Amino acid sequence: MAAALPKAAEDRVAALLGVGVAAVTGVVALVLKRRAALQADLKAALKVVGVVFALRGVGVGLGLAWVVSRGLSAIGFVGGFFGVYFALQWIEVSYVMAASKDAAGGDE
């Protein structure tokens, strides 16, 4: 949806790149957070939060640099990235909570 809204083709390309970066980092985040939840270790969970935050920061930085270097819309990229990012946050939280319950042995 975020990539379909811009009228200009350049804006759509930038928004699609933002959506792609958010989706890839979201998948990596789910995998890493699942591992941390199964370990039931607070230090591991906090480390994963830091790693994922840094990964997303690098993704946004590299994506913005690429978009700007090609004369595309930085606003489109940021809109595409954060439009998907906020939705993925809810999915990640639900996923980690479910994984924590499984690791704990049920409805505790």
N, C-alpha and C. Protein backbone atom coordinates (compact mmCIF):
# COMPACT_ATOMS: atom_id res chain seq x y z
N MET A 1 0.82 -1.19 0.00
CA MET A 1 0.00 0.00 0.00
C MET A 1 0.87 1.25 0.00
N ALA A 2 1.93 1.24 0.82
CA ALA A 2 2.79 2.41 0.90
C ALA A 2 3.46 2.69 -0.43
N ALA A 3 3.77 1.66 -1.19
CA ALA A 3 4.43 1.85 -2.48
C ALA A 3 3.44 2.19 -3.59
N ALA A 4 2.16 1.93 -3.40
CA ALA A 4 1.17 2.19 -4.44
C ALA A 4 0.65 3.62 -4.39
N LEU A 5 0.83 4.31 -3.29
CA LEU A 5 0.27 5.65 -3.15
C LEU A 5 0.96 6.72 -3.99
N PRO A 6 2.30 6.75 -4.10
CA PRO A 6 2.93 7.82 -4.86
C PRO A 6 2.53 7.79 -6.34
N LYS A 7 2.35 8.98 -6.92
CA LYS A 7 1.95 9.09 -8.32
C LYS A 7 3.14 8.96 -9.26
N ALA A 8 4.27 9.58 -8.89
CA ALA A 8 5.45 9.55 -9.76
C ALA A 8 6.17 8.21 -9.65
N ALA A 9 6.70 7.74 -10.75
CA ALA A 9 7.40 6.46 -10.77
C ALA A 9 8.63 6.47 -9.86
N GLU A 10 9.34 7.59 -9.80
CA GLU A 10 10.53 7.70 -8.95
C GLU A 10 10.16 7.54 -7.48
N ASP A 11 9.03 8.12 -7.11
CA ASP A 11 8.58 8.01 -5.72
C ASP A 11 8.16 6.58 -5.39
N ARG A 12 7.54 5.91 -6.34
CA ARG A 12 7.13 4.51 -6.13
C ARG A 12 8.34 3.60 -5.97
N VAL A 13 9.37 3.82 -6.77
CA VAL A 13 10.58 3.01 -6.67
C VAL A 13 11.22 3.19 -5.30
N ALA A 14 11.32 4.44 -4.85
CA ALA A 14 11.90 4.72 -3.54
C ALA A 14 11.06 4.09 -2.43
N ALA A 15 9.74 4.18 -2.55
CA ALA A 15 8.86 3.59 -1.54
C ALA A 15 8.97 2.07 -1.53
N LEU A 16 9.06 1.46 -2.70
CA LEU A 16 9.23 0.00 -2.78
C LEU A 16 10.54 -0.44 -2.14
N LEU A 17 11.59 0.33 -2.34
CA LEU A 17 12.86 0.01 -1.70
C LEU A 17 12.71 0.09 -0.18
N GLY A 18 12.03 1.11 0.31
CA GLY A 18 11.79 1.23 1.75
C GLY A 18 11.00 0.07 2.30
N VAL A 19 9.97 -0.34 1.57
CA VAL A 19 9.17 -1.49 1.98
C VAL A 19 10.04 -2.76 2.00
N GLY A 20 10.88 -2.91 1.00
CA GLY A 20 11.75 -4.09 0.94
C GLY A 20 12.74 -4.15 2.08
N VAL A 21 13.37 -3.02 2.38
CA VAL A 21 14.33 -2.97 3.49
C VAL A 21 13.63 -3.28 4.81
N ALA A 22 12.45 -2.71 5.02
CA ALA A 22 11.70 -2.99 6.25
C ALA A 22 11.30 -4.45 6.35
N ALA A 23 10.89 -5.04 5.24
CA ALA A 23 10.48 -6.45 5.26
C ALA A 23 11.66 -7.37 5.55
N VAL A 24 12.79 -7.12 4.91
CA VAL A 24 13.96 -7.97 5.13
C VAL A 24 14.45 -7.86 6.57
N THR A 25 14.55 -6.65 7.08
CA THR A 25 15.00 -6.49 8.46
C THR A 25 13.97 -7.06 9.44
N GLY A 26 12.70 -7.03 9.07
CA GLY A 26 11.67 -7.62 9.91
C GLY A 26 11.79 -9.13 10.02
N VAL A 27 12.09 -9.77 8.91
CA VAL A 27 12.28 -11.22 8.92
C VAL A 27 13.50 -11.59 9.76
N VAL A 28 14.59 -10.86 9.58
CA VAL A 28 15.79 -11.10 10.39
C VAL A 28 15.48 -10.89 11.87
N ALA A 29 14.72 -9.85 12.18
CA ALA A 29 14.35 -9.57 13.56
C ALA A 29 13.53 -10.71 14.16
N LEU A 30 12.58 -11.24 13.39
CA LEU A 30 11.77 -12.35 13.90
C LEU A 30 12.62 -13.57 14.22
N VAL A 31 13.55 -13.88 13.34
CA VAL A 31 14.41 -15.04 13.57
C VAL A 31 15.26 -14.84 14.82
N LEU A 32 15.88 -13.68 14.94
CA LEU A 32 16.75 -13.42 16.09
C LEU A 32 15.96 -13.35 17.40
N LYS A 33 14.79 -12.72 17.35
CA LYS A 33 13.98 -12.61 18.57
C LYS A 33 13.41 -13.96 18.98
N ARG A 34 13.11 -14.79 18.03
CA ARG A 34 12.63 -16.15 18.36
C ARG A 34 13.72 -16.93 19.10
N ARG A 35 14.95 -16.85 18.59
CA ARG A 35 16.06 -17.53 19.26
C ARG A 35 16.25 -17.01 20.68
N ALA A 36 16.18 -15.72 20.85
CA ALA A 36 16.36 -15.13 22.18
C ALA A 36 15.23 -15.52 23.11
N ALA A 37 14.00 -15.58 22.58
CA ALA A 37 12.86 -15.96 23.42
C ALA A 37 12.97 -17.42 23.86
N LEU A 38 13.48 -18.27 23.01
CA LEU A 38 13.62 -19.68 23.37
C LEU A 38 14.72 -19.90 24.40
N GLN A 39 15.70 -19.02 24.44
CA GLN A 39 16.76 -19.12 25.44
C GLN A 39 16.28 -18.65 26.81
N ALA A 40 15.22 -17.85 26.83
CA ALA A 40 14.66 -17.30 28.07
C ALA A 40 15.74 -16.57 28.87
N ASP A 41 16.57 -15.81 28.18
CA ASP A 41 17.66 -15.08 28.80
C ASP A 41 17.48 -13.60 28.51
N LEU A 42 17.39 -12.80 29.56
CA LEU A 42 17.16 -11.36 29.41
C LEU A 42 18.32 -10.69 28.69
N LYS A 43 19.55 -11.09 28.99
CA LYS A 43 20.70 -10.49 28.31
C LYS A 43 20.66 -10.76 26.81
N ALA A 44 20.30 -11.97 26.43
CA ALA A 44 20.21 -12.31 25.01
C ALA A 44 19.11 -11.49 24.33
N ALA A 45 17.99 -11.33 25.02
CA ALA A 45 16.89 -10.56 24.45
C ALA A 45 17.28 -9.10 24.26
N LEU A 46 17.95 -8.52 25.23
CA LEU A 46 18.38 -7.13 25.10
C LEU A 46 19.44 -6.97 24.02
N LYS A 47 20.30 -7.94 23.89
CA LYS A 47 21.32 -7.91 22.84
C LYS A 47 20.65 -7.95 21.46
N VAL A 48 19.64 -8.78 21.32
CA VAL A 48 18.93 -8.88 20.04
C VAL A 48 18.24 -7.56 19.72
N VAL A 49 17.64 -6.93 20.71
CA VAL A 49 16.99 -5.64 20.48
C VAL A 49 18.01 -4.63 19.95
N GLY A 50 19.19 -4.60 20.54
CA GLY A 50 20.23 -3.69 20.09
C GLY A 50 20.73 -4.01 18.70
N VAL A 51 20.92 -5.29 18.41
CA VAL A 51 21.39 -5.71 17.09
C VAL A 51 20.35 -5.37 16.02
N VAL A 52 19.09 -5.64 16.30
CA VAL A 52 18.04 -5.37 15.33
C VAL A 52 17.89 -3.87 15.11
N PHE A 53 17.99 -3.08 16.17
CA PHE A 53 17.91 -1.63 16.04
C PHE A 53 19.05 -1.12 15.16
N ALA A 54 20.26 -1.63 15.40
CA ALA A 54 21.42 -1.22 14.59
C ALA A 54 21.24 -1.67 13.14
N LEU A 55 20.75 -2.88 12.94
CA LEU A 55 20.53 -3.39 11.58
C LEU A 55 19.55 -2.51 10.82
N ARG A 56 18.47 -2.15 11.47
CA ARG A 56 17.49 -1.27 10.82
C ARG A 56 18.07 0.11 10.56
N GLY A 57 18.86 0.60 11.49
CA GLY A 57 19.50 1.91 11.30
C GLY A 57 20.43 1.90 10.10
N VAL A 58 21.21 0.85 9.97
CA VAL A 58 22.11 0.71 8.82
C VAL A 58 21.30 0.56 7.53
N GLY A 59 20.23 -0.21 7.59
CA GLY A 59 19.38 -0.38 6.41
C GLY A 59 18.76 0.93 5.95
N VAL A 60 18.27 1.72 6.89
CA VAL A 60 17.69 3.02 6.54
C VAL A 60 18.78 3.94 5.99
N GLY A 61 19.94 3.96 6.64
CA GLY A 61 21.02 4.82 6.17
C GLY A 61 21.49 4.47 4.77
N LEU A 62 21.73 3.18 4.52
CA LEU A 62 22.17 2.76 3.19
C LEU A 62 21.08 2.98 2.14
N GLY A 63 19.85 2.70 2.52
CA GLY A 63 18.74 2.92 1.58
C GLY A 63 18.58 4.38 1.22
N LEU A 64 18.67 5.25 2.22
CA LEU A 64 18.56 6.68 1.95
C LEU A 64 19.72 7.16 1.09
N ALA A 65 20.92 6.68 1.38
CA ALA A 65 22.07 7.07 0.57
C ALA A 65 21.88 6.64 -0.89
N TRP A 66 21.39 5.43 -1.10
CA TRP A 66 21.17 4.94 -2.45
C TRP A 66 20.10 5.76 -3.17
N VAL A 67 19.01 6.03 -2.46
CA VAL A 67 17.89 6.78 -3.05
C VAL A 67 18.34 8.19 -3.43
N VAL A 68 19.02 8.86 -2.52
CA VAL A 68 19.45 10.23 -2.78
C VAL A 68 20.48 10.28 -3.90
N SER A 69 21.39 9.30 -3.94
CA SER A 69 22.43 9.29 -4.97
C SER A 69 21.84 9.12 -6.37
N ARG A 70 20.66 8.55 -6.48
CA ARG A 70 20.01 8.37 -7.77
C ARG A 70 18.92 9.39 -8.04
N GLY A 71 18.80 10.38 -7.17
CA GLY A 71 17.83 11.45 -7.38
C GLY A 71 16.39 11.03 -7.16
N LEU A 72 16.19 9.98 -6.37
CA LEU A 72 14.84 9.53 -6.06
C LEU A 72 14.33 10.20 -4.80
N SER A 73 13.11 9.94 -4.43
CA SER A 73 12.47 10.61 -3.31
C SER A 73 12.84 9.99 -1.97
N ALA A 74 13.50 10.78 -1.13
CA ALA A 74 13.83 10.33 0.22
C ALA A 74 12.55 10.17 1.04
N ILE A 75 11.59 11.05 0.82
CA ILE A 75 10.32 10.97 1.55
C ILE A 75 9.59 9.67 1.20
N GLY A 76 9.61 9.29 -0.05
CA GLY A 76 8.99 8.03 -0.46
C GLY A 76 9.63 6.83 0.21
N PHE A 77 10.96 6.84 0.28
CA PHE A 77 11.68 5.75 0.94
C PHE A 77 11.31 5.67 2.42
N VAL A 78 11.37 6.80 3.10
CA VAL A 78 11.07 6.83 4.53
C VAL A 78 9.61 6.43 4.78
N GLY A 79 8.70 6.92 3.95
CA GLY A 79 7.29 6.54 4.09
C GLY A 79 7.07 5.06 3.89
N GLY A 80 7.72 4.49 2.88
CA GLY A 80 7.60 3.05 2.62
C GLY A 80 8.17 2.23 3.75
N PHE A 81 9.35 2.64 4.24
CA PHE A 81 10.00 1.89 5.32
C PHE A 81 9.17 1.92 6.60
N PHE A 82 8.82 3.11 7.05
CA PHE A 82 8.13 3.20 8.33
C PHE A 82 6.67 2.79 8.26
N GLY A 83 6.07 2.86 7.08
CA GLY A 83 4.71 2.34 6.93
C GLY A 83 4.66 0.85 7.22
N VAL A 84 5.67 0.13 6.76
CA VAL A 84 5.75 -1.31 7.01
C VAL A 84 6.33 -1.60 8.39
N TYR A 85 7.30 -0.80 8.81
CA TYR A 85 7.98 -1.01 10.09
C TYR A 85 7.00 -1.03 11.26
N PHE A 86 6.09 -0.07 11.30
CA PHE A 86 5.16 0.00 12.43
C PHE A 86 4.22 -1.20 12.46
N ALA A 87 3.80 -1.67 11.30
CA ALA A 87 2.96 -2.88 11.27
C ALA A 87 3.77 -4.09 11.71
N LEU A 88 5.02 -4.18 11.28
CA LEU A 88 5.85 -5.31 11.67
C LEU A 88 6.16 -5.33 13.16
N GLN A 89 6.19 -4.19 13.79
CA GLN A 89 6.44 -4.15 15.23
C GLN A 89 5.37 -4.92 15.99
N TRP A 90 4.11 -4.75 15.59
CA TRP A 90 3.03 -5.48 16.25
C TRP A 90 3.17 -6.98 16.02
N ILE A 91 3.54 -7.36 14.82
CA ILE A 91 3.74 -8.77 14.51
C ILE A 91 4.88 -9.34 15.33
N GLU A 92 6.00 -8.61 15.41
CA GLU A 92 7.16 -9.08 16.17
C GLU A 92 6.83 -9.26 17.65
N VAL A 93 6.11 -8.30 18.22
CA VAL A 93 5.76 -8.40 19.64
C VAL A 93 4.87 -9.62 19.87
N SER A 94 3.88 -9.83 19.02
CA SER A 94 2.99 -10.99 19.16
C SER A 94 3.76 -12.29 19.00
N TYR A 95 4.68 -12.32 18.05
CA TYR A 95 5.48 -13.51 17.78
C TYR A 95 6.36 -13.86 18.98
N VAL A 96 7.02 -12.85 19.53
CA VAL A 96 7.91 -13.09 20.67
C VAL A 96 7.10 -13.52 21.89
N MET A 97 5.94 -12.92 22.11
CA MET A 97 5.11 -13.31 23.26
C MET A 97 4.66 -14.77 23.12
N ALA A 98 4.29 -15.17 21.91
CA ALA A 98 3.88 -16.56 21.68
C ALA A 98 5.05 -17.51 21.87
N ALA A 99 6.22 -17.12 21.39
CA ALA A 99 7.41 -17.96 21.55
C ALA A 99 7.80 -18.07 23.02
N SER A 100 7.62 -17.01 23.77
CA SER A 100 7.93 -17.04 25.20
C SER A 100 6.99 -17.98 25.94
N LYS A 101 5.71 -17.96 25.57
CA LYS A 101 4.75 -18.87 26.20
C LYS A 101 5.09 -20.32 25.88
N ASP A 102 5.46 -20.57 24.62
CA ASP A 102 5.85 -21.93 24.24
C ASP A 102 7.06 -22.40 25.02
N ALA A 103 8.03 -21.52 25.17
CA ALA A 103 9.27 -21.88 25.89
C ALA A 103 9.00 -22.11 27.38
N ALA A 104 8.00 -21.36 27.92
CA ALA A 104 7.66 -21.49 29.33
C ALA A 104 6.80 -22.71 29.59
N GLY A 105 6.21 -23.26 28.55
CA GLY A 105 5.43 -24.47 28.73
C GLY A 105 3.94 -24.27 28.78
N GLY A 106 3.45 -23.20 28.13
CA GLY A 106 2.00 -23.06 28.06
C GLY A 106 1.51 -21.69 28.48
N ASP A 107 0.37 -21.68 29.18
CA ASP A 107 -0.32 -20.43 29.53
C ASP A 107 0.12 -19.90 30.87
N GLU A 108 1.36 -19.64 31.04
CA GLU A 108 1.85 -19.12 32.32
C GLU A 108 2.00 -17.64 32.26
